Amino acid sequence: MSTPGPREGGPRRRRTFTPTEKLGHLFAYEAACATGEGAAYLREHGIYSAQISEWRKLRDAGMPQDKKPGAKIVHPSAEQADIARLTRELELTRSHSRPKVSNDSPYSEA
C-alpha cells in the first residue's frame, strides 16, 4: 500500500496577498515585534521575514491599495528607501523617548 506523495494532484498555486492583506500583516507583525512576539507571528501565519522586508519597502514607497496580486509595481529608489528608513528610525526613537521633567533625577526628593 503506497501513501500519496507531497505533490499528489500536481503542484499547488503560490499564495498571493492583496495590498490590504500585506499592510494588515505588516502592522500586526510590527505590533507583535513591540511585545517580542514577531517571530511567533510569522510562524503562525506562514510568512517569511523576507516578505515583511519587501512589504515594508513597498509601503514606504506608497504601495497602491488597488494593485492586483501578481501585478508589477515600481520599487523605491535608493533615496526613497533611505528616507523611509530614517523616518522609521525617527518614529521609533520618538516612541521610546519620554519627556524630561524637572524631577527626573532618581536622587531627587519625593
N, C-alpha and C. Protein backbone atom coordinates (compact mmCIF):
# COMPACT_ATOMS: atom_id res chain seq x y z
N MET A 1 0.84 -1.17 0.00
CA MET A 1 0.00 0.00 0.00
C MET A 1 0.89 1.24 0.00
N SER A 2 0.68 2.13 -0.94
CA SER A 2 1.53 3.32 -1.03
C SER A 2 0.77 4.53 -0.50
N THR A 3 1.53 5.44 0.07
CA THR A 3 0.93 6.68 0.57
C THR A 3 1.09 7.75 -0.50
N PRO A 4 0.15 8.69 -0.56
CA PRO A 4 0.27 9.74 -1.57
C PRO A 4 1.48 10.63 -1.28
N GLY A 5 2.16 11.04 -2.34
CA GLY A 5 3.33 11.90 -2.19
C GLY A 5 2.94 13.34 -1.89
N PRO A 6 3.93 14.16 -1.60
CA PRO A 6 3.64 15.56 -1.26
C PRO A 6 3.04 16.35 -2.41
N ARG A 7 3.25 15.90 -3.63
CA ARG A 7 2.72 16.62 -4.79
C ARG A 7 1.58 15.87 -5.45
N GLU A 8 0.88 15.10 -4.65
CA GLU A 8 -0.28 14.36 -5.17
C GLU A 8 -1.27 15.36 -5.76
N GLY A 9 -1.63 15.17 -6.99
CA GLY A 9 -2.59 16.08 -7.63
C GLY A 9 -1.90 17.26 -8.29
N GLY A 10 -0.58 17.27 -8.34
CA GLY A 10 0.15 18.35 -9.00
C GLY A 10 0.59 19.44 -8.04
N PRO A 11 1.39 20.38 -8.53
CA PRO A 11 1.89 21.46 -7.68
C PRO A 11 0.77 22.41 -7.27
N ARG A 12 0.93 22.98 -6.10
CA ARG A 12 -0.06 23.96 -5.62
C ARG A 12 0.27 25.34 -6.15
N ARG A 13 -0.77 26.14 -6.25
CA ARG A 13 -0.56 27.54 -6.61
C ARG A 13 0.06 28.28 -5.45
N ARG A 14 0.94 29.19 -5.77
CA ARG A 14 1.59 30.00 -4.74
C ARG A 14 0.57 30.95 -4.11
N ARG A 15 0.69 31.16 -2.80
CA ARG A 15 -0.21 32.09 -2.11
C ARG A 15 0.05 33.51 -2.56
N THR A 16 -1.00 34.27 -2.69
CA THR A 16 -0.86 35.70 -3.00
C THR A 16 -1.60 36.50 -1.94
N PHE A 17 -1.13 37.70 -1.74
CA PHE A 17 -1.73 38.60 -0.75
C PHE A 17 -2.13 39.89 -1.45
N THR A 18 -3.30 40.41 -1.10
CA THR A 18 -3.72 41.70 -1.62
C THR A 18 -2.94 42.78 -0.87
N PRO A 19 -2.86 43.99 -1.41
CA PRO A 19 -2.18 45.06 -0.69
C PRO A 19 -2.76 45.30 0.70
N THR A 20 -4.06 45.16 0.84
CA THR A 20 -4.70 45.34 2.15
C THR A 20 -4.23 44.25 3.12
N GLU A 21 -4.14 43.02 2.65
CA GLU A 21 -3.65 41.93 3.50
C GLU A 21 -2.19 42.14 3.87
N LYS A 22 -1.39 42.60 2.91
CA LYS A 22 0.02 42.85 3.19
C LYS A 22 0.18 43.89 4.29
N LEU A 23 -0.57 45.00 4.15
CA LEU A 23 -0.48 46.05 5.17
C LEU A 23 -0.98 45.55 6.52
N GLY A 24 -2.04 44.75 6.50
CA GLY A 24 -2.56 44.19 7.75
C GLY A 24 -1.54 43.31 8.44
N HIS A 25 -0.90 42.42 7.66
CA HIS A 25 0.14 41.56 8.24
C HIS A 25 1.32 42.40 8.71
N LEU A 26 1.68 43.42 7.95
CA LEU A 26 2.82 44.27 8.31
C LEU A 26 2.56 44.99 9.64
N PHE A 27 1.39 45.58 9.78
CA PHE A 27 1.07 46.29 11.03
C PHE A 27 0.97 45.32 12.21
N ALA A 28 0.36 44.17 11.98
CA ALA A 28 0.25 43.18 13.05
C ALA A 28 1.61 42.64 13.44
N TYR A 29 2.49 42.42 12.46
CA TYR A 29 3.84 41.94 12.75
C TYR A 29 4.61 42.98 13.55
N GLU A 30 4.52 44.25 13.16
CA GLU A 30 5.24 45.30 13.88
C GLU A 30 4.71 45.44 15.30
N ALA A 31 3.42 45.27 15.49
CA ALA A 31 2.85 45.29 16.85
C ALA A 31 3.35 44.10 17.65
N ALA A 32 3.44 42.94 17.00
CA ALA A 32 3.94 41.74 17.69
C ALA A 32 5.41 41.92 18.05
N CYS A 33 6.17 42.58 17.19
CA CYS A 33 7.59 42.82 17.49
C CYS A 33 7.76 43.71 18.72
N ALA A 34 6.83 44.64 18.90
CA ALA A 34 6.91 45.53 20.05
C ALA A 34 6.79 44.76 21.36
N THR A 35 6.13 43.61 21.32
CA THR A 35 5.98 42.79 22.53
C THR A 35 6.92 41.58 22.52
N GLY A 36 7.80 41.52 21.50
CA GLY A 36 8.74 40.41 21.42
C GLY A 36 8.17 39.14 20.82
N GLU A 37 7.05 39.25 20.12
CA GLU A 37 6.38 38.08 19.55
C GLU A 37 6.40 38.07 18.02
N GLY A 38 7.33 38.80 17.41
CA GLY A 38 7.37 38.91 15.97
C GLY A 38 7.59 37.58 15.26
N ALA A 39 8.57 36.81 15.73
CA ALA A 39 8.86 35.51 15.11
C ALA A 39 7.68 34.56 15.23
N ALA A 40 7.02 34.59 16.37
CA ALA A 40 5.85 33.72 16.57
C ALA A 40 4.74 34.10 15.60
N TYR A 41 4.56 35.40 15.36
CA TYR A 41 3.54 35.84 14.41
C TYR A 41 3.84 35.30 13.01
N LEU A 42 5.11 35.40 12.61
CA LEU A 42 5.48 34.91 11.28
C LEU A 42 5.24 33.41 11.15
N ARG A 43 5.63 32.66 12.16
CA ARG A 43 5.42 31.20 12.12
C ARG A 43 3.93 30.87 12.06
N GLU A 44 3.15 31.55 12.87
CA GLU A 44 1.71 31.28 12.95
C GLU A 44 1.01 31.51 11.61
N HIS A 45 1.47 32.52 10.87
CA HIS A 45 0.81 32.88 9.61
C HIS A 45 1.56 32.36 8.38
N GLY A 46 2.68 31.66 8.59
CA GLY A 46 3.42 31.10 7.46
C GLY A 46 4.01 32.16 6.56
N ILE A 47 4.52 33.23 7.16
CA ILE A 47 5.09 34.34 6.40
C ILE A 47 6.59 34.38 6.68
N TYR A 48 7.37 34.66 5.66
CA TYR A 48 8.82 34.77 5.81
C TYR A 48 9.22 36.22 6.11
N SER A 49 10.32 36.38 6.83
CA SER A 49 10.78 37.73 7.17
C SER A 49 11.15 38.51 5.91
N ALA A 50 11.59 37.82 4.86
CA ALA A 50 11.91 38.50 3.60
C ALA A 50 10.65 39.14 3.01
N GLN A 51 9.50 38.50 3.18
CA GLN A 51 8.25 39.09 2.68
C GLN A 51 7.95 40.37 3.45
N ILE A 52 8.15 40.34 4.76
CA ILE A 52 7.91 41.53 5.59
C ILE A 52 8.82 42.66 5.13
N SER A 53 10.09 42.35 4.88
CA SER A 53 11.04 43.38 4.42
C SER A 53 10.58 43.98 3.09
N GLU A 54 10.15 43.13 2.19
CA GLU A 54 9.69 43.60 0.88
C GLU A 54 8.43 44.45 1.03
N TRP A 55 7.52 44.02 1.88
CA TRP A 55 6.28 44.77 2.08
C TRP A 55 6.56 46.12 2.73
N ARG A 56 7.56 46.20 3.60
CA ARG A 56 7.94 47.49 4.20
C ARG A 56 8.42 48.45 3.12
N LYS A 57 9.27 47.93 2.23
CA LYS A 57 9.77 48.78 1.14
C LYS A 57 8.62 49.29 0.29
N LEU A 58 7.69 48.42 -0.01
CA LEU A 58 6.54 48.81 -0.82
C LEU A 58 5.68 49.82 -0.09
N ARG A 59 5.45 49.59 1.20
CA ARG A 59 4.64 50.53 1.98
C ARG A 59 5.31 51.90 2.00
N ASP A 60 6.62 51.92 2.21
CA ASP A 60 7.33 53.19 2.30
C ASP A 60 7.37 53.91 0.96
N ALA A 61 7.25 53.16 -0.13
CA ALA A 61 7.22 53.77 -1.45
C ALA A 61 5.81 54.18 -1.84
N GLY A 62 4.83 53.89 -0.98
CA GLY A 62 3.45 54.24 -1.27
C GLY A 62 2.74 53.15 -2.05
N MET A 63 2.68 51.97 -1.47
CA MET A 63 2.06 50.82 -2.13
C MET A 63 0.64 51.17 -2.54
N PRO A 64 0.31 50.98 -3.81
CA PRO A 64 -1.05 51.28 -4.24
C PRO A 64 -2.05 50.28 -3.64
N GLN A 65 -3.16 50.77 -3.13
CA GLN A 65 -4.14 49.91 -2.48
C GLN A 65 -4.95 49.07 -3.47
N ASP A 66 -5.03 49.52 -4.73
CA ASP A 66 -5.87 48.81 -5.68
C ASP A 66 -5.08 47.88 -6.60
N LYS A 67 -3.84 47.59 -6.25
CA LYS A 67 -3.00 46.71 -7.07
C LYS A 67 -3.51 45.28 -6.98
N LYS A 68 -3.56 44.61 -8.11
CA LYS A 68 -3.97 43.21 -8.15
C LYS A 68 -2.78 42.33 -7.79
N PRO A 69 -3.01 41.21 -7.10
CA PRO A 69 -1.90 40.31 -6.77
C PRO A 69 -1.18 39.86 -8.04
N GLY A 70 0.13 39.91 -8.00
CA GLY A 70 0.93 39.49 -9.14
C GLY A 70 1.24 40.59 -10.13
N ALA A 71 0.58 41.74 -10.03
CA ALA A 71 0.86 42.85 -10.94
C ALA A 71 2.18 43.51 -10.54
N LYS A 72 2.90 44.01 -11.52
CA LYS A 72 4.20 44.64 -11.26
C LYS A 72 3.99 46.01 -10.63
N ILE A 73 4.87 46.33 -9.69
CA ILE A 73 4.87 47.67 -9.12
C ILE A 73 6.31 48.16 -9.08
N VAL A 74 6.47 49.46 -9.05
CA VAL A 74 7.80 50.05 -9.06
C VAL A 74 8.37 50.02 -7.65
N HIS A 75 9.61 49.58 -7.55
CA HIS A 75 10.28 49.55 -6.25
C HIS A 75 10.84 50.93 -5.94
N PRO A 76 11.00 51.26 -4.66
CA PRO A 76 11.51 52.58 -4.31
C PRO A 76 12.95 52.75 -4.76
N SER A 77 13.30 54.00 -5.06
CA SER A 77 14.68 54.30 -5.41
C SER A 77 15.52 54.21 -4.13
N ALA A 78 16.83 54.25 -4.28
CA ALA A 78 17.72 54.19 -3.12
C ALA A 78 17.45 55.37 -2.19
N GLU A 79 17.20 56.53 -2.77
CA GLU A 79 16.92 57.72 -1.96
C GLU A 79 15.60 57.56 -1.19
N GLN A 80 14.56 57.07 -1.87
CA GLN A 80 13.28 56.86 -1.19
C GLN A 80 13.42 55.84 -0.07
N ALA A 81 14.19 54.79 -0.31
CA ALA A 81 14.39 53.77 0.72
C ALA A 81 15.12 54.35 1.93
N ASP A 82 16.13 55.19 1.68
CA ASP A 82 16.87 55.83 2.79
C ASP A 82 15.96 56.76 3.58
N ILE A 83 15.15 57.53 2.89
CA ILE A 83 14.23 58.45 3.57
C ILE A 83 13.24 57.66 4.43
N ALA A 84 12.71 56.58 3.88
CA ALA A 84 11.76 55.75 4.62
C ALA A 84 12.41 55.12 5.84
N ARG A 85 13.64 54.64 5.68
CA ARG A 85 14.35 54.02 6.81
C ARG A 85 14.60 55.05 7.91
N LEU A 86 15.06 56.23 7.52
CA LEU A 86 15.34 57.28 8.51
C LEU A 86 14.05 57.74 9.20
N THR A 87 12.96 57.81 8.45
CA THR A 87 11.68 58.18 9.04
C THR A 87 11.24 57.14 10.07
N ARG A 88 11.38 55.85 9.73
CA ARG A 88 11.03 54.79 10.69
C ARG A 88 11.89 54.88 11.94
N GLU A 89 13.20 55.11 11.76
CA GLU A 89 14.10 55.21 12.91
C GLU A 89 13.72 56.40 13.79
N LEU A 90 13.36 57.52 13.15
CA LEU A 90 12.96 58.70 13.92
C LEU A 90 11.68 58.43 14.71
N GLU A 91 10.71 57.77 14.07
CA GLU A 91 9.46 57.43 14.77
C GLU A 91 9.73 56.49 15.92
N LEU A 92 10.63 55.54 15.72
CA LEU A 92 10.98 54.60 16.77
C LEU A 92 11.65 55.31 17.93
N THR A 93 12.56 56.23 17.62
CA THR A 93 13.24 56.99 18.66
C THR A 93 12.24 57.83 19.45
N ARG A 94 11.31 58.46 18.74
CA ARG A 94 10.30 59.28 19.42
C ARG A 94 9.40 58.43 20.32
N SER A 95 9.07 57.23 19.88
CA SER A 95 8.17 56.39 20.67
C SER A 95 8.87 55.84 21.92
N HIS A 96 10.20 55.70 21.86
CA HIS A 96 10.92 55.16 23.01
C HIS A 96 11.41 56.24 23.97
N SER A 97 11.41 57.47 23.53
CA SER A 97 11.87 58.54 24.42
C SER A 97 10.70 59.05 25.24
N ARG A 98 11.01 59.55 26.38
CA ARG A 98 9.95 60.10 27.23
C ARG A 98 10.30 61.53 27.55
N PRO A 99 9.32 62.35 27.84
CA PRO A 99 9.63 63.76 28.11
C PRO A 99 10.39 63.91 29.42
N LYS A 100 11.29 64.85 29.43
CA LYS A 100 12.06 65.14 30.64
C LYS A 100 11.20 66.00 31.55
N VAL A 101 11.30 65.74 32.83
CA VAL A 101 10.57 66.55 33.81
C VAL A 101 11.57 67.10 34.80
N SER A 102 11.16 68.09 35.55
CA SER A 102 12.11 68.76 36.43
C SER A 102 12.67 67.84 37.51
N ASN A 103 11.89 66.86 37.95
CA ASN A 103 12.39 65.96 38.99
C ASN A 103 12.76 64.59 38.40
N ASP A 104 13.43 64.60 37.27
CA ASP A 104 13.77 63.38 36.56
C ASP A 104 14.93 62.61 37.20
N SER A 105 15.57 63.22 38.15
CA SER A 105 16.72 62.59 38.79
C SER A 105 16.25 61.55 39.81
N PRO A 106 16.88 60.37 39.82
CA PRO A 106 16.48 59.36 40.81
C PRO A 106 16.87 59.79 42.23
N TYR A 107 17.73 60.83 42.33
CA TYR A 107 18.20 61.27 43.64
C TYR A 107 17.38 62.43 44.18
N SER A 108 16.38 62.89 43.44
CA SER A 108 15.59 64.00 43.92
C SER A 108 14.63 63.53 45.00
N GLU A 109 14.27 64.45 45.87
CA GLU A 109 13.35 64.10 46.95
C GLU A 109 11.93 64.05 46.43
N ALA A 110 11.16 63.14 46.99
CA ALA A 110 9.78 62.99 46.56
C ALA A 110 8.87 63.95 47.26
